Amino acid sequence: MKIWVAVLSILGGLSGIVSGFMVTAGGALFDDASMANDGSAVFWLSVIAIFLGFLAWKWNKVSGAGLLIIALYGFYANGLFFTIAFIFLLIAGILAFRMKPKAQQQEAY
């Protein structure tokens, strides 16, 4: 399940990067500063989401909460442009919460 969290966060992060770039470019094209700011915020949060997917291997609860927050904020800020990234990041965040900690194995000598 750890691999799926990383894969889904990479897919969601890449989709969010594309979404953030499109919204930023649209805001710059139409001279809408708030649209451009929201798009750039989602762009950088999507980059952070990729790293959170790998950090979930060590800190699953914190990374899962971060992925869920990024998914919800991205959907709020970018709307339907962020739908694919929202789905991937939401599933990755839920899976990160459901990961079980690895039991320490004792080696007998």
N, C-alpha and C. Protein backbone atom coordinates (compact mmCIF):
# COMPACT_ATOMS: atom_id res chain seq x y z
N MET A 1 0.82 -1.19 0.00
CA MET A 1 0.00 0.00 0.00
C MET A 1 0.86 1.26 0.00
N LYS A 2 2.11 1.14 0.53
CA LYS A 2 2.99 2.29 0.55
C LYS A 2 3.31 2.76 -0.86
N ILE A 3 3.45 1.81 -1.77
CA ILE A 3 3.77 2.18 -3.14
C ILE A 3 2.62 2.94 -3.77
N TRP A 4 1.38 2.52 -3.47
CA TRP A 4 0.22 3.20 -4.04
C TRP A 4 0.09 4.63 -3.57
N VAL A 5 0.44 4.90 -2.33
CA VAL A 5 0.38 6.28 -1.83
C VAL A 5 1.36 7.14 -2.62
N ALA A 6 2.56 6.64 -2.84
CA ALA A 6 3.55 7.41 -3.60
C ALA A 6 3.13 7.59 -5.05
N VAL A 7 2.64 6.52 -5.67
CA VAL A 7 2.24 6.61 -7.08
C VAL A 7 1.06 7.57 -7.25
N LEU A 8 0.06 7.46 -6.39
CA LEU A 8 -1.10 8.34 -6.50
C LEU A 8 -0.74 9.80 -6.19
N SER A 9 0.18 10.01 -5.26
CA SER A 9 0.57 11.39 -4.97
C SER A 9 1.40 11.98 -6.12
N ILE A 10 2.19 11.13 -6.79
CA ILE A 10 2.92 11.62 -7.97
C ILE A 10 1.95 11.98 -9.09
N LEU A 11 0.99 11.09 -9.35
CA LEU A 11 0.00 11.38 -10.41
C LEU A 11 -0.83 12.62 -10.07
N GLY A 12 -1.26 12.70 -8.81
CA GLY A 12 -2.03 13.87 -8.38
C GLY A 12 -1.21 15.14 -8.40
N GLY A 13 0.07 15.03 -8.00
CA GLY A 13 0.94 16.20 -8.02
C GLY A 13 1.20 16.69 -9.44
N LEU A 14 1.45 15.76 -10.34
CA LEU A 14 1.68 16.17 -11.74
C LEU A 14 0.42 16.78 -12.35
N SER A 15 -0.73 16.20 -12.06
CA SER A 15 -1.99 16.77 -12.55
C SER A 15 -2.23 18.14 -11.94
N GLY A 16 -1.89 18.30 -10.67
CA GLY A 16 -2.04 19.60 -10.01
C GLY A 16 -1.09 20.64 -10.56
N ILE A 17 0.12 20.21 -10.92
CA ILE A 17 1.08 21.14 -11.52
C ILE A 17 0.54 21.66 -12.85
N VAL A 18 0.01 20.76 -13.66
CA VAL A 18 -0.57 21.17 -14.95
C VAL A 18 -1.77 22.09 -14.70
N SER A 19 -2.62 21.75 -13.74
CA SER A 19 -3.78 22.56 -13.42
C SER A 19 -3.36 23.95 -12.93
N GLY A 20 -2.39 23.97 -12.03
CA GLY A 20 -1.92 25.25 -11.51
C GLY A 20 -1.31 26.12 -12.59
N PHE A 21 -0.56 25.50 -13.50
CA PHE A 21 0.02 26.26 -14.60
C PHE A 21 -1.05 26.82 -15.51
N MET A 22 -2.08 26.01 -15.82
CA MET A 22 -3.16 26.49 -16.70
C MET A 22 -3.92 27.64 -16.08
N VAL A 23 -4.21 27.56 -14.78
CA VAL A 23 -4.96 28.62 -14.12
C VAL A 23 -4.09 29.88 -13.98
N THR A 24 -2.81 29.70 -13.70
CA THR A 24 -1.91 30.85 -13.63
C THR A 24 -1.80 31.54 -14.99
N ALA A 25 -1.65 30.76 -16.04
CA ALA A 25 -1.56 31.34 -17.39
C ALA A 25 -2.87 32.03 -17.77
N GLY A 26 -3.99 31.43 -17.40
CA GLY A 26 -5.28 32.07 -17.68
C GLY A 26 -5.46 33.37 -16.92
N GLY A 27 -5.01 33.40 -15.67
CA GLY A 27 -5.10 34.64 -14.90
C GLY A 27 -4.20 35.72 -15.45
N ALA A 28 -3.01 35.35 -15.92
CA ALA A 28 -2.12 36.33 -16.53
C ALA A 28 -2.66 36.81 -17.87
N LEU A 29 -3.28 35.90 -18.61
CA LEU A 29 -3.83 36.26 -19.92
C LEU A 29 -4.99 37.23 -19.81
N PHE A 30 -5.85 37.02 -18.81
CA PHE A 30 -7.03 37.86 -18.65
C PHE A 30 -6.87 38.95 -17.60
N ASP A 31 -5.65 39.20 -17.16
CA ASP A 31 -5.34 40.24 -16.16
C ASP A 31 -6.15 40.08 -14.89
N ASP A 32 -6.29 38.87 -14.41
CA ASP A 32 -6.97 38.59 -13.16
C ASP A 32 -5.93 38.12 -12.15
N ALA A 33 -5.52 39.02 -11.27
CA ALA A 33 -4.42 38.73 -10.34
C ALA A 33 -4.79 37.64 -9.34
N SER A 34 -6.02 37.62 -8.86
CA SER A 34 -6.39 36.60 -7.87
C SER A 34 -6.41 35.20 -8.50
N MET A 35 -6.81 35.12 -9.75
CA MET A 35 -6.79 33.83 -10.44
C MET A 35 -5.35 33.35 -10.63
N ALA A 36 -4.47 34.25 -11.00
CA ALA A 36 -3.06 33.89 -11.18
C ALA A 36 -2.43 33.49 -9.85
N ASN A 37 -2.77 34.17 -8.77
CA ASN A 37 -2.23 33.83 -7.46
C ASN A 37 -2.72 32.46 -6.99
N ASP A 38 -4.01 32.19 -7.18
CA ASP A 38 -4.55 30.88 -6.80
C ASP A 38 -3.90 29.76 -7.61
N GLY A 39 -3.70 29.99 -8.88
CA GLY A 39 -3.07 28.98 -9.72
C GLY A 39 -1.63 28.71 -9.31
N SER A 40 -0.90 29.76 -8.97
CA SER A 40 0.50 29.54 -8.57
C SER A 40 0.58 28.88 -7.20
N ALA A 41 -0.36 29.18 -6.31
CA ALA A 41 -0.38 28.51 -5.00
C ALA A 41 -0.64 27.02 -5.17
N VAL A 42 -1.58 26.68 -6.03
CA VAL A 42 -1.88 25.27 -6.28
C VAL A 42 -0.71 24.58 -6.98
N PHE A 43 -0.02 25.30 -7.86
CA PHE A 43 1.16 24.75 -8.52
C PHE A 43 2.20 24.32 -7.49
N TRP A 44 2.53 25.19 -6.55
CA TRP A 44 3.56 24.86 -5.57
C TRP A 44 3.07 23.86 -4.53
N LEU A 45 1.80 23.90 -4.19
CA LEU A 45 1.28 22.88 -3.28
C LEU A 45 1.28 21.50 -3.92
N SER A 46 1.11 21.45 -5.23
CA SER A 46 1.17 20.17 -5.93
C SER A 46 2.58 19.60 -5.93
N VAL A 47 3.57 20.48 -6.00
CA VAL A 47 4.96 20.03 -5.88
C VAL A 47 5.19 19.44 -4.49
N ILE A 48 4.66 20.09 -3.46
CA ILE A 48 4.80 19.59 -2.09
C ILE A 48 4.06 18.27 -1.93
N ALA A 49 2.93 18.10 -2.63
CA ALA A 49 2.16 16.85 -2.53
C ALA A 49 2.96 15.66 -3.01
N ILE A 50 3.82 15.85 -4.00
CA ILE A 50 4.66 14.75 -4.48
C ILE A 50 5.60 14.30 -3.38
N PHE A 51 6.20 15.25 -2.67
CA PHE A 51 7.11 14.90 -1.58
C PHE A 51 6.36 14.28 -0.40
N LEU A 52 5.15 14.74 -0.15
CA LEU A 52 4.37 14.17 0.95
C LEU A 52 4.03 12.71 0.71
N GLY A 53 3.89 12.33 -0.55
CA GLY A 53 3.63 10.93 -0.87
C GLY A 53 4.76 10.02 -0.44
N PHE A 54 5.99 10.50 -0.55
CA PHE A 54 7.13 9.71 -0.11
C PHE A 54 7.35 9.82 1.39
N LEU A 55 7.02 10.95 1.97
CA LEU A 55 7.15 11.10 3.42
C LEU A 55 6.11 10.27 4.17
N ALA A 56 5.07 9.84 3.47
CA ALA A 56 4.05 9.01 4.11
C ALA A 56 4.60 7.66 4.53
N TRP A 57 5.72 7.26 3.98
CA TRP A 57 6.32 5.99 4.38
C TRP A 57 6.82 6.06 5.82
N LYS A 58 7.23 7.24 6.24
CA LYS A 58 7.74 7.40 7.61
C LYS A 58 6.68 8.02 8.52
N TRP A 59 6.06 9.11 8.09
CA TRP A 59 5.05 9.82 8.89
C TRP A 59 3.73 9.77 8.15
N ASN A 60 3.00 8.68 8.32
CA ASN A 60 1.79 8.47 7.52
C ASN A 60 0.64 9.38 7.90
N LYS A 61 0.44 9.67 9.17
CA LYS A 61 -0.71 10.51 9.57
C LYS A 61 -0.51 11.96 9.15
N VAL A 62 0.67 12.49 9.36
CA VAL A 62 0.95 13.89 9.00
C VAL A 62 0.89 14.07 7.48
N SER A 63 1.48 13.15 6.76
CA SER A 63 1.48 13.24 5.30
C SER A 63 0.08 13.03 4.73
N GLY A 64 -0.68 12.10 5.32
CA GLY A 64 -2.05 11.89 4.87
C GLY A 64 -2.91 13.12 5.08
N ALA A 65 -2.75 13.77 6.23
CA ALA A 65 -3.50 15.00 6.49
C ALA A 65 -3.08 16.09 5.52
N GLY A 66 -1.78 16.18 5.23
CA GLY A 66 -1.30 17.18 4.27
C GLY A 66 -1.86 16.94 2.87
N LEU A 67 -1.89 15.69 2.45
CA LEU A 67 -2.44 15.36 1.13
C LEU A 67 -3.92 15.70 1.04
N LEU A 68 -4.67 15.41 2.12
CA LEU A 68 -6.10 15.74 2.11
C LEU A 68 -6.32 17.24 2.08
N ILE A 69 -5.53 17.99 2.83
CA ILE A 69 -5.67 19.45 2.86
C ILE A 69 -5.33 20.05 1.50
N ILE A 70 -4.26 19.55 0.88
CA ILE A 70 -3.88 20.04 -0.45
C ILE A 70 -4.97 19.71 -1.47
N ALA A 71 -5.55 18.52 -1.37
CA ALA A 71 -6.61 18.14 -2.31
C ALA A 71 -7.82 19.05 -2.16
N LEU A 72 -8.22 19.30 -0.93
CA LEU A 72 -9.40 20.15 -0.72
C LEU A 72 -9.14 21.60 -1.10
N TYR A 73 -7.97 22.13 -0.74
CA TYR A 73 -7.67 23.52 -1.09
C TYR A 73 -7.52 23.68 -2.60
N GLY A 74 -6.87 22.72 -3.25
CA GLY A 74 -6.71 22.80 -4.70
C GLY A 74 -8.03 22.78 -5.43
N PHE A 75 -8.96 21.95 -4.95
CA PHE A 75 -10.28 21.91 -5.57
C PHE A 75 -11.04 23.21 -5.33
N TYR A 76 -10.85 23.81 -4.15
CA TYR A 76 -11.48 25.09 -3.84
C TYR A 76 -10.89 26.22 -4.70
N ALA A 77 -9.57 26.23 -4.84
CA ALA A 77 -8.92 27.33 -5.54
C ALA A 77 -9.01 27.21 -7.06
N ASN A 78 -8.84 26.02 -7.60
CA ASN A 78 -8.81 25.85 -9.06
C ASN A 78 -10.09 25.28 -9.64
N GLY A 79 -10.96 24.78 -8.82
CA GLY A 79 -12.23 24.27 -9.31
C GLY A 79 -12.08 23.02 -10.16
N LEU A 80 -12.81 22.96 -11.25
CA LEU A 80 -12.86 21.76 -12.07
C LEU A 80 -11.56 21.45 -12.79
N PHE A 81 -10.65 22.44 -12.91
CA PHE A 81 -9.35 22.15 -13.50
C PHE A 81 -8.56 21.18 -12.64
N PHE A 82 -8.88 21.11 -11.36
CA PHE A 82 -8.13 20.32 -10.40
C PHE A 82 -8.79 18.97 -10.13
N THR A 83 -9.82 18.59 -10.87
CA THR A 83 -10.61 17.40 -10.55
C THR A 83 -9.78 16.11 -10.56
N ILE A 84 -8.97 15.90 -11.58
CA ILE A 84 -8.18 14.66 -11.65
C ILE A 84 -7.17 14.61 -10.51
N ALA A 85 -6.51 15.72 -10.26
CA ALA A 85 -5.55 15.78 -9.16
C ALA A 85 -6.26 15.59 -7.82
N PHE A 86 -7.46 16.15 -7.69
CA PHE A 86 -8.24 16.02 -6.46
C PHE A 86 -8.52 14.55 -6.16
N ILE A 87 -8.92 13.81 -7.17
CA ILE A 87 -9.25 12.39 -6.98
C ILE A 87 -8.01 11.61 -6.55
N PHE A 88 -6.90 11.81 -7.26
CA PHE A 88 -5.67 11.09 -6.92
C PHE A 88 -5.17 11.45 -5.52
N LEU A 89 -5.14 12.73 -5.19
CA LEU A 89 -4.62 13.15 -3.89
C LEU A 89 -5.55 12.75 -2.75
N LEU A 90 -6.84 12.76 -2.99
CA LEU A 90 -7.79 12.34 -1.97
C LEU A 90 -7.61 10.85 -1.65
N ILE A 91 -7.49 10.03 -2.67
CA ILE A 91 -7.28 8.60 -2.45
C ILE A 91 -5.94 8.34 -1.77
N ALA A 92 -4.90 9.07 -2.19
CA ALA A 92 -3.57 8.90 -1.57
C ALA A 92 -3.61 9.31 -0.10
N GLY A 93 -4.33 10.38 0.23
CA GLY A 93 -4.44 10.80 1.62
C GLY A 93 -5.18 9.80 2.48
N ILE A 94 -6.23 9.22 1.94
CA ILE A 94 -6.99 8.22 2.69
C ILE A 94 -6.15 6.95 2.88
N LEU A 95 -5.44 6.54 1.83
CA LEU A 95 -4.59 5.36 1.95
C LEU A 95 -3.44 5.58 2.93
N ALA A 96 -2.93 6.80 3.00
CA ALA A 96 -1.85 7.09 3.95
C ALA A 96 -2.33 6.94 5.39
N PHE A 97 -3.58 7.31 5.65
CA PHE A 97 -4.13 7.13 7.00
C PHE A 97 -4.34 5.65 7.33
N ARG A 98 -4.57 4.83 6.33
CA ARG A 98 -4.87 3.42 6.58
C ARG A 98 -3.63 2.55 6.62
N MET A 99 -2.45 3.13 6.36
CA MET A 99 -1.22 2.32 6.40
C MET A 99 -0.93 1.92 7.83
N LYS A 100 -0.54 0.69 7.99
CA LYS A 100 -0.20 0.18 9.31
C LYS A 100 1.31 0.35 9.53
N PRO A 101 1.70 0.70 10.75
CA PRO A 101 3.14 0.81 11.01
C PRO A 101 3.81 -0.56 10.93
N LYS A 102 5.01 -0.56 10.43
CA LYS A 102 5.74 -1.81 10.25
C LYS A 102 6.24 -2.30 11.60
N ALA A 103 5.96 -3.53 11.90
CA ALA A 103 6.39 -4.11 13.18
C ALA A 103 7.90 -4.34 13.14
N GLN A 104 8.55 -4.04 14.22
CA GLN A 104 9.99 -4.24 14.32
C GLN A 104 10.26 -5.75 14.42
N GLN A 105 11.12 -6.24 13.57
CA GLN A 105 11.45 -7.66 13.60
C GLN A 105 12.71 -7.86 14.40
N GLN A 106 12.64 -8.79 15.29
CA GLN A 106 13.78 -9.15 16.13
C GLN A 106 14.51 -10.31 15.46
N GLU A 107 15.80 -10.13 15.28
CA GLU A 107 16.60 -11.21 14.69
C GLU A 107 17.25 -12.01 15.81
N ALA A 108 17.12 -13.30 15.73
CA ALA A 108 17.75 -14.19 16.72
C ALA A 108 19.12 -14.59 16.22
N TYR A 109 20.06 -14.49 17.09
CA TYR A 109 21.44 -14.87 16.74
C TYR A 109 21.78 -16.21 17.31
